[in-house]
Amino acid sequence: MLVFPVLGSLLFGALFFRLWYIQVVKAEELTEKAEASRVIKVDKLAPRGLMFDRRGNMVAGVKSEIVVTAVPVDVRKNPEVLDRVAQILGVDRKRLQEK
């Protein structure tokens, strides 16, 4: 009759001790390992090719573009920012405001 409660208590105690060991003693080491495996650094860009249609017109290729994003609420609070961005990009302020 006492075998099962004692065995259960021992197993529960071993489980509790193991969880405590992992969360308290090994926490810093495991956190460092997790951070190291989370970041993947790519040193080289993947090579891209050019695609042409049968007439020789480029369909897909490498084309650099300027992408500007803004939060509409912030732009409404500071309208002078829109004027400055329009000046830097060399476009009309109304065109930026529409987008």
N, C-alpha and C. Protein backbone atom coordinates (compact mmCIF):
# COMPACT_ATOMS: atom_id res chain seq x y z
N MET A 1 0.80 -1.20 0.00
CA MET A 1 0.00 0.00 0.00
C MET A 1 0.85 1.27 0.00
N LEU A 2 1.99 1.21 0.62
CA LEU A 2 2.83 2.40 0.68
C LEU A 2 3.77 2.53 -0.50
N VAL A 3 3.87 1.50 -1.31
CA VAL A 3 4.81 1.52 -2.43
C VAL A 3 4.41 2.58 -3.46
N PHE A 4 3.15 2.63 -3.85
CA PHE A 4 2.72 3.57 -4.89
C PHE A 4 2.78 5.03 -4.42
N PRO A 5 2.32 5.38 -3.23
CA PRO A 5 2.48 6.79 -2.80
C PRO A 5 3.94 7.20 -2.65
N VAL A 6 4.79 6.32 -2.15
CA VAL A 6 6.21 6.66 -2.00
C VAL A 6 6.86 6.79 -3.36
N LEU A 7 6.57 5.85 -4.26
CA LEU A 7 7.12 5.91 -5.62
C LEU A 7 6.64 7.15 -6.35
N GLY A 8 5.36 7.47 -6.21
CA GLY A 8 4.81 8.68 -6.84
C GLY A 8 5.46 9.93 -6.28
N SER A 9 5.65 9.98 -4.97
CA SER A 9 6.30 11.14 -4.35
C SER A 9 7.74 11.29 -4.81
N LEU A 10 8.46 10.17 -4.94
CA LEU A 10 9.84 10.22 -5.42
C LEU A 10 9.91 10.73 -6.87
N LEU A 11 9.03 10.22 -7.72
CA LEU A 11 9.01 10.66 -9.12
C LEU A 11 8.63 12.15 -9.22
N PHE A 12 7.64 12.56 -8.43
CA PHE A 12 7.25 13.97 -8.43
C PHE A 12 8.39 14.85 -7.90
N GLY A 13 9.07 14.39 -6.87
CA GLY A 13 10.22 15.13 -6.33
C GLY A 13 11.34 15.23 -7.34
N ALA A 14 11.61 14.15 -8.07
CA ALA A 14 12.67 14.17 -9.09
C ALA A 14 12.29 15.13 -10.22
N LEU A 15 11.03 15.12 -10.62
CA LEU A 15 10.57 16.03 -11.66
C LEU A 15 10.69 17.48 -11.19
N PHE A 16 10.27 17.75 -9.98
CA PHE A 16 10.36 19.10 -9.42
C PHE A 16 11.82 19.56 -9.36
N PHE A 17 12.71 18.70 -8.90
CA PHE A 17 14.12 19.05 -8.81
C PHE A 17 14.69 19.34 -10.20
N ARG A 18 14.36 18.54 -11.18
CA ARG A 18 14.88 18.74 -12.55
C ARG A 18 14.38 20.07 -13.13
N LEU A 19 13.10 20.36 -12.94
CA LEU A 19 12.57 21.63 -13.44
C LEU A 19 13.24 22.82 -12.74
N TRP A 20 13.45 22.71 -11.44
CA TRP A 20 14.13 23.77 -10.70
C TRP A 20 15.56 23.94 -11.24
N TYR A 21 16.26 22.86 -11.49
CA TYR A 21 17.63 22.89 -11.99
C TYR A 21 17.69 23.59 -13.35
N ILE A 22 16.76 23.26 -14.21
CA ILE A 22 16.76 23.86 -15.56
C ILE A 22 16.42 25.35 -15.48
N GLN A 23 15.41 25.71 -14.68
CA GLN A 23 14.95 27.10 -14.66
C GLN A 23 15.82 28.02 -13.81
N VAL A 24 16.49 27.51 -12.81
CA VAL A 24 17.27 28.37 -11.92
C VAL A 24 18.76 28.25 -12.19
N VAL A 25 19.29 27.04 -12.19
CA VAL A 25 20.73 26.85 -12.30
C VAL A 25 21.21 27.06 -13.74
N LYS A 26 20.51 26.49 -14.72
CA LYS A 26 20.95 26.54 -16.11
C LYS A 26 20.31 27.68 -16.91
N ALA A 27 19.56 28.55 -16.26
CA ALA A 27 18.79 29.58 -16.97
C ALA A 27 19.67 30.47 -17.84
N GLU A 28 20.76 30.97 -17.30
CA GLU A 28 21.60 31.91 -18.04
C GLU A 28 22.24 31.23 -19.26
N GLU A 29 22.75 30.04 -19.08
CA GLU A 29 23.37 29.30 -20.19
C GLU A 29 22.37 29.00 -21.29
N LEU A 30 21.18 28.57 -20.91
CA LEU A 30 20.17 28.24 -21.90
C LEU A 30 19.65 29.48 -22.62
N THR A 31 19.59 30.59 -21.90
CA THR A 31 19.18 31.85 -22.54
C THR A 31 20.20 32.27 -23.59
N GLU A 32 21.47 32.16 -23.28
CA GLU A 32 22.52 32.51 -24.25
C GLU A 32 22.46 31.61 -25.48
N LYS A 33 22.25 30.32 -25.27
CA LYS A 33 22.14 29.40 -26.41
C LYS A 33 20.94 29.74 -27.28
N ALA A 34 19.83 30.08 -26.65
CA ALA A 34 18.63 30.44 -27.42
C ALA A 34 18.85 31.70 -28.23
N GLU A 35 19.49 32.70 -27.64
CA GLU A 35 19.78 33.94 -28.37
C GLU A 35 20.73 33.70 -29.53
N ALA A 36 21.73 32.85 -29.32
CA ALA A 36 22.70 32.56 -30.38
C ALA A 36 22.06 31.83 -31.54
N SER A 37 21.13 30.96 -31.27
CA SER A 37 20.50 30.20 -32.36
C SER A 37 19.39 30.98 -33.04
N ARG A 38 18.93 32.07 -32.43
CA ARG A 38 17.84 32.86 -33.00
C ARG A 38 18.31 33.73 -34.15
N VAL A 39 19.53 34.22 -34.08
CA VAL A 39 20.05 35.15 -35.08
C VAL A 39 20.83 34.38 -36.14
N ILE A 40 20.44 34.58 -37.38
CA ILE A 40 21.14 33.96 -38.51
C ILE A 40 21.67 35.09 -39.39
N LYS A 41 22.95 35.12 -39.58
CA LYS A 41 23.58 36.19 -40.35
C LYS A 41 23.88 35.70 -41.76
N VAL A 42 23.45 36.48 -42.74
CA VAL A 42 23.73 36.17 -44.15
C VAL A 42 24.71 37.21 -44.65
N ASP A 43 25.90 36.75 -45.01
CA ASP A 43 26.94 37.68 -45.44
C ASP A 43 26.85 38.06 -46.91
N LYS A 44 26.33 37.15 -47.73
CA LYS A 44 26.25 37.41 -49.17
C LYS A 44 24.80 37.50 -49.60
N LEU A 45 24.55 38.40 -50.53
CA LEU A 45 23.22 38.47 -51.12
C LEU A 45 23.06 37.34 -52.12
N ALA A 46 21.85 36.87 -52.25
CA ALA A 46 21.57 35.81 -53.22
C ALA A 46 21.65 36.40 -54.63
N PRO A 47 22.32 35.72 -55.55
CA PRO A 47 22.41 36.26 -56.91
C PRO A 47 21.05 36.22 -57.61
N ARG A 48 20.75 37.29 -58.28
CA ARG A 48 19.48 37.38 -59.01
C ARG A 48 19.78 37.49 -60.50
N GLY A 49 18.92 36.92 -61.29
CA GLY A 49 19.10 36.97 -62.73
C GLY A 49 18.10 37.91 -63.37
N LEU A 50 18.33 38.22 -64.61
CA LEU A 50 17.41 39.07 -65.37
C LEU A 50 16.52 38.18 -66.22
N MET A 51 15.25 38.55 -66.34
CA MET A 51 14.32 37.79 -67.16
C MET A 51 13.80 38.68 -68.28
N PHE A 52 13.84 38.15 -69.50
CA PHE A 52 13.40 38.90 -70.67
C PHE A 52 12.28 38.15 -71.36
N ASP A 53 11.37 38.90 -71.99
CA ASP A 53 10.34 38.25 -72.77
C ASP A 53 10.88 37.95 -74.16
N ARG A 54 10.06 37.40 -75.03
CA ARG A 54 10.54 36.97 -76.34
C ARG A 54 10.96 38.13 -77.24
N ARG A 55 10.54 39.34 -76.91
CA ARG A 55 10.93 40.51 -77.71
C ARG A 55 12.19 41.19 -77.17
N GLY A 56 12.71 40.68 -76.06
CA GLY A 56 13.92 41.25 -75.49
C GLY A 56 13.67 42.31 -74.43
N ASN A 57 12.41 42.53 -74.06
CA ASN A 57 12.10 43.50 -73.01
C ASN A 57 12.30 42.85 -71.64
N MET A 58 12.91 43.59 -70.73
CA MET A 58 13.14 43.03 -69.41
C MET A 58 11.82 42.94 -68.63
N VAL A 59 11.53 41.75 -68.14
CA VAL A 59 10.32 41.50 -67.38
C VAL A 59 10.61 41.58 -65.89
N ALA A 60 11.72 41.02 -65.47
CA ALA A 60 12.10 41.04 -64.05
C ALA A 60 13.61 41.21 -63.96
N GLY A 61 14.02 42.00 -63.00
CA GLY A 61 15.45 42.22 -62.82
C GLY A 61 15.70 42.96 -61.53
N VAL A 62 16.88 43.47 -61.42
CA VAL A 62 17.27 44.21 -60.23
C VAL A 62 17.06 45.69 -60.50
N LYS A 63 16.24 46.31 -59.65
CA LYS A 63 15.95 47.72 -59.82
C LYS A 63 15.89 48.35 -58.43
N SER A 64 16.72 49.34 -58.19
CA SER A 64 16.71 49.99 -56.88
C SER A 64 15.58 51.01 -56.82
N GLU A 65 14.96 51.10 -55.66
CA GLU A 65 13.87 52.04 -55.44
C GLU A 65 14.00 52.66 -54.07
N ILE A 66 13.48 53.86 -53.95
CA ILE A 66 13.41 54.52 -52.65
C ILE A 66 12.00 54.26 -52.11
N VAL A 67 11.94 53.72 -50.90
CA VAL A 67 10.66 53.45 -50.25
C VAL A 67 10.58 54.31 -49.00
N VAL A 68 9.54 55.12 -48.94
CA VAL A 68 9.33 55.99 -47.79
C VAL A 68 8.01 55.61 -47.16
N THR A 69 8.02 55.39 -45.85
CA THR A 69 6.79 55.09 -45.13
C THR A 69 6.60 56.11 -44.02
N ALA A 70 5.34 56.32 -43.68
CA ALA A 70 5.03 57.27 -42.61
C ALA A 70 3.77 56.81 -41.90
N VAL A 71 3.66 57.19 -40.66
CA VAL A 71 2.46 56.91 -39.87
C VAL A 71 1.53 58.11 -40.05
N PRO A 72 0.33 57.89 -40.61
CA PRO A 72 -0.57 59.03 -40.91
C PRO A 72 -0.86 59.94 -39.71
N VAL A 73 -1.00 59.36 -38.54
CA VAL A 73 -1.29 60.18 -37.35
C VAL A 73 -0.13 61.13 -37.07
N ASP A 74 1.09 60.64 -37.21
CA ASP A 74 2.27 61.48 -36.96
C ASP A 74 2.40 62.58 -38.01
N VAL A 75 2.05 62.27 -39.26
CA VAL A 75 2.13 63.27 -40.32
C VAL A 75 1.09 64.36 -40.09
N ARG A 76 -0.10 63.99 -39.63
CA ARG A 76 -1.13 64.99 -39.34
C ARG A 76 -0.72 65.90 -38.17
N LYS A 77 -0.02 65.34 -37.20
CA LYS A 77 0.43 66.13 -36.05
C LYS A 77 1.55 67.10 -36.44
N ASN A 78 2.41 66.68 -37.40
CA ASN A 78 3.56 67.48 -37.82
C ASN A 78 3.52 67.69 -39.33
N PRO A 79 2.70 68.62 -39.83
CA PRO A 79 2.59 68.79 -41.29
C PRO A 79 3.88 69.28 -41.96
N GLU A 80 4.78 69.89 -41.18
CA GLU A 80 6.03 70.37 -41.78
C GLU A 80 6.92 69.21 -42.23
N VAL A 81 6.70 68.04 -41.66
CA VAL A 81 7.49 66.87 -42.06
C VAL A 81 7.19 66.51 -43.51
N LEU A 82 5.93 66.60 -43.90
CA LEU A 82 5.53 66.28 -45.27
C LEU A 82 6.19 67.24 -46.26
N ASP A 83 6.27 68.51 -45.90
CA ASP A 83 6.96 69.48 -46.77
C ASP A 83 8.43 69.14 -46.93
N ARG A 84 9.06 68.77 -45.83
CA ARG A 84 10.50 68.45 -45.86
C ARG A 84 10.77 67.20 -46.69
N VAL A 85 9.93 66.17 -46.53
CA VAL A 85 10.11 64.93 -47.30
C VAL A 85 9.88 65.20 -48.78
N ALA A 86 8.88 66.00 -49.11
CA ALA A 86 8.63 66.35 -50.52
C ALA A 86 9.82 67.08 -51.11
N GLN A 87 10.44 67.94 -50.32
CA GLN A 87 11.61 68.68 -50.80
C GLN A 87 12.79 67.73 -51.02
N ILE A 88 13.01 66.82 -50.09
CA ILE A 88 14.13 65.88 -50.21
C ILE A 88 13.96 64.97 -51.42
N LEU A 89 12.73 64.45 -51.62
CA LEU A 89 12.49 63.53 -52.73
C LEU A 89 12.30 64.24 -54.06
N GLY A 90 12.04 65.53 -54.02
CA GLY A 90 11.84 66.28 -55.26
C GLY A 90 10.51 65.99 -55.91
N VAL A 91 9.47 65.77 -55.10
CA VAL A 91 8.13 65.53 -55.62
C VAL A 91 7.18 66.56 -55.03
N ASP A 92 5.98 66.61 -55.60
CA ASP A 92 4.98 67.55 -55.14
C ASP A 92 4.38 67.10 -53.80
N ARG A 93 4.12 68.06 -52.92
CA ARG A 93 3.57 67.75 -51.59
C ARG A 93 2.20 67.11 -51.70
N LYS A 94 1.39 67.55 -52.65
CA LYS A 94 0.04 67.00 -52.82
C LYS A 94 0.10 65.52 -53.20
N ARG A 95 1.08 65.16 -54.00
CA ARG A 95 1.22 63.75 -54.40
C ARG A 95 1.53 62.87 -53.18
N LEU A 96 2.40 63.35 -52.31
CA LEU A 96 2.71 62.60 -51.09
C LEU A 96 1.50 62.53 -50.17
N GLN A 97 0.77 63.63 -50.07
CA GLN A 97 -0.40 63.66 -49.20
C GLN A 97 -1.48 62.69 -49.68
N GLU A 98 -1.64 62.54 -50.99
CA GLU A 98 -2.62 61.60 -51.53
C GLU A 98 -2.26 60.16 -51.16
N LYS A 99 -0.96 59.84 -51.25
CA LYS A 99 -0.54 58.47 -50.98
C LYS A 99 -0.59 58.20 -49.50
